[in-house]
């Protein structure tokens, strides 16, 4: 199973760092999904929800899903890594 390293940081703290199977972010042109091997990409983010399916222990209902509310920022996507620099972020 291919995975991505996800880093979600704000100016004040690292909110999350871990290995995930997929990430969805609120890009300025609409929601964008990212899977391992995605082409390099930079985008501004708008206020909304970031969701990530973890590569860690699965529940009986499938992969564990993490959800964060962000107030904007930017995202850098590489084939094996997603870095989100958010203005602010809280885990839901």
Protein backbone atom coordinates (compact mmCIF):
# COMPACT_ATOMS: atom_id res chain seq x y z
CA UNK A 1 0.00 0.00 0.00
CA UNK A 2 1.46 3.34 -1.07
CA UNK A 3 1.28 6.20 1.42
CA UNK A 4 1.92 9.92 1.84
CA UNK A 5 3.60 11.85 4.63
CA UNK A 6 1.16 14.55 5.81
CA UNK A 7 2.33 17.62 7.70
CA UNK A 8 -0.28 20.13 8.85
CA UNK A 9 1.24 23.18 10.53
CA UNK A 10 0.18 26.65 11.60
CA UNK A 11 2.41 29.60 12.57
CA UNK A 12 2.04 28.49 16.21
CA UNK A 13 2.26 24.69 16.15
CA UNK A 14 2.44 21.41 14.29
CA UNK A 15 -1.15 20.17 14.31
CA UNK A 16 -0.55 16.78 12.71
CA UNK A 17 2.29 14.73 11.28
CA UNK A 18 1.80 11.19 10.08
CA UNK A 19 1.43 8.68 7.29
CA UNK A 20 -1.84 8.70 5.35
CA UNK A 21 -3.39 6.96 2.34
CA UNK A 22 -5.17 10.03 0.95
CA UNK A 23 -5.85 13.70 1.70
CA UNK A 24 -8.62 16.10 0.59
CA UNK A 25 -8.10 19.87 0.91
CA UNK A 26 -10.27 22.94 0.19
CA UNK A 27 -8.23 24.43 -2.65
CA UNK A 28 -9.20 27.84 -3.99
CA UNK A 29 -10.62 26.30 -7.19
CA UNK A 30 -12.55 23.60 -5.32
CA UNK A 31 -11.88 20.52 -3.23
CA UNK A 32 -8.76 18.64 -4.29
CA UNK A 33 -7.99 15.01 -3.52
CA UNK A 34 -4.43 13.75 -3.26
CA UNK A 35 -3.23 10.15 -3.56
CA UNK A 36 0.34 8.79 -3.48
CA UNK A 37 2.16 9.57 -6.73
CA UNK A 38 0.27 12.84 -7.36
CA UNK A 39 2.02 15.34 -9.60
CA UNK A 40 3.76 18.22 -7.79
CA UNK A 41 1.31 21.04 -7.11
CA UNK A 42 1.02 24.27 -5.12
CA UNK A 43 -2.31 25.89 -4.26
CA UNK A 44 -3.89 28.45 -2.00
CA UNK A 45 -6.43 27.07 0.45
CA UNK A 46 -9.76 28.58 1.46
CA UNK A 47 -11.54 28.09 4.78
CA UNK A 48 -12.91 24.58 5.00
CA UNK A 49 -12.24 21.01 5.98
CA UNK A 50 -9.15 18.85 5.46
CA UNK A 51 -9.78 15.10 5.60
CA UNK A 52 -7.16 12.37 5.65
CA UNK A 53 -7.47 8.60 5.63
CA UNK A 54 -4.68 7.22 7.79
CA UNK A 55 -2.48 4.29 6.91
CA UNK A 56 -2.49 3.17 10.53
CA UNK A 57 -4.80 0.72 12.25
CA UNK A 58 -8.14 0.34 10.53
CA UNK A 59 -11.49 0.15 12.27
CA UNK A 60 -14.18 -2.37 11.40
CA UNK A 61 -15.65 0.31 9.11
CA UNK A 62 -12.45 0.91 7.11
CA UNK A 63 -9.52 3.31 7.45
CA UNK A 64 -9.46 5.84 10.27
CA UNK A 65 -10.46 9.29 9.00
CA UNK A 66 -8.98 12.48 10.48
CA UNK A 67 -10.76 15.79 10.00
CA UNK A 68 -9.42 19.31 10.55
CA UNK A 69 -11.07 22.71 10.07
CA UNK A 70 -8.73 25.32 8.59
CA UNK A 71 -9.17 29.04 7.96
CA UNK A 72 -7.04 29.19 4.81
CA UNK A 73 -3.40 28.89 3.87
CA UNK A 74 -1.50 26.98 1.21
CA UNK A 75 -0.61 23.40 0.30
CA UNK A 76 2.43 21.83 -1.33
CA UNK A 77 1.85 18.42 -2.92
CA UNK A 78 4.72 16.13 -3.88
CA UNK A 79 4.44 12.49 -5.03
CA UNK A 80 5.15 11.20 -1.50
CA UNK A 81 4.34 14.19 0.76
CA UNK A 82 1.65 16.80 1.44
CA UNK A 83 2.50 19.88 3.47
CA UNK A 84 -0.33 22.16 4.57
CA UNK A 85 0.57 25.59 5.94
CA UNK A 86 -2.69 26.76 7.51
CA UNK A 87 -3.52 30.13 9.03
CA UNK A 88 -5.18 28.17 11.86
CA UNK A 89 -6.36 24.58 12.22
CA UNK A 90 -8.31 22.53 14.72
CA UNK A 91 -9.00 18.83 14.73
CA UNK A 92 -12.68 17.93 14.59
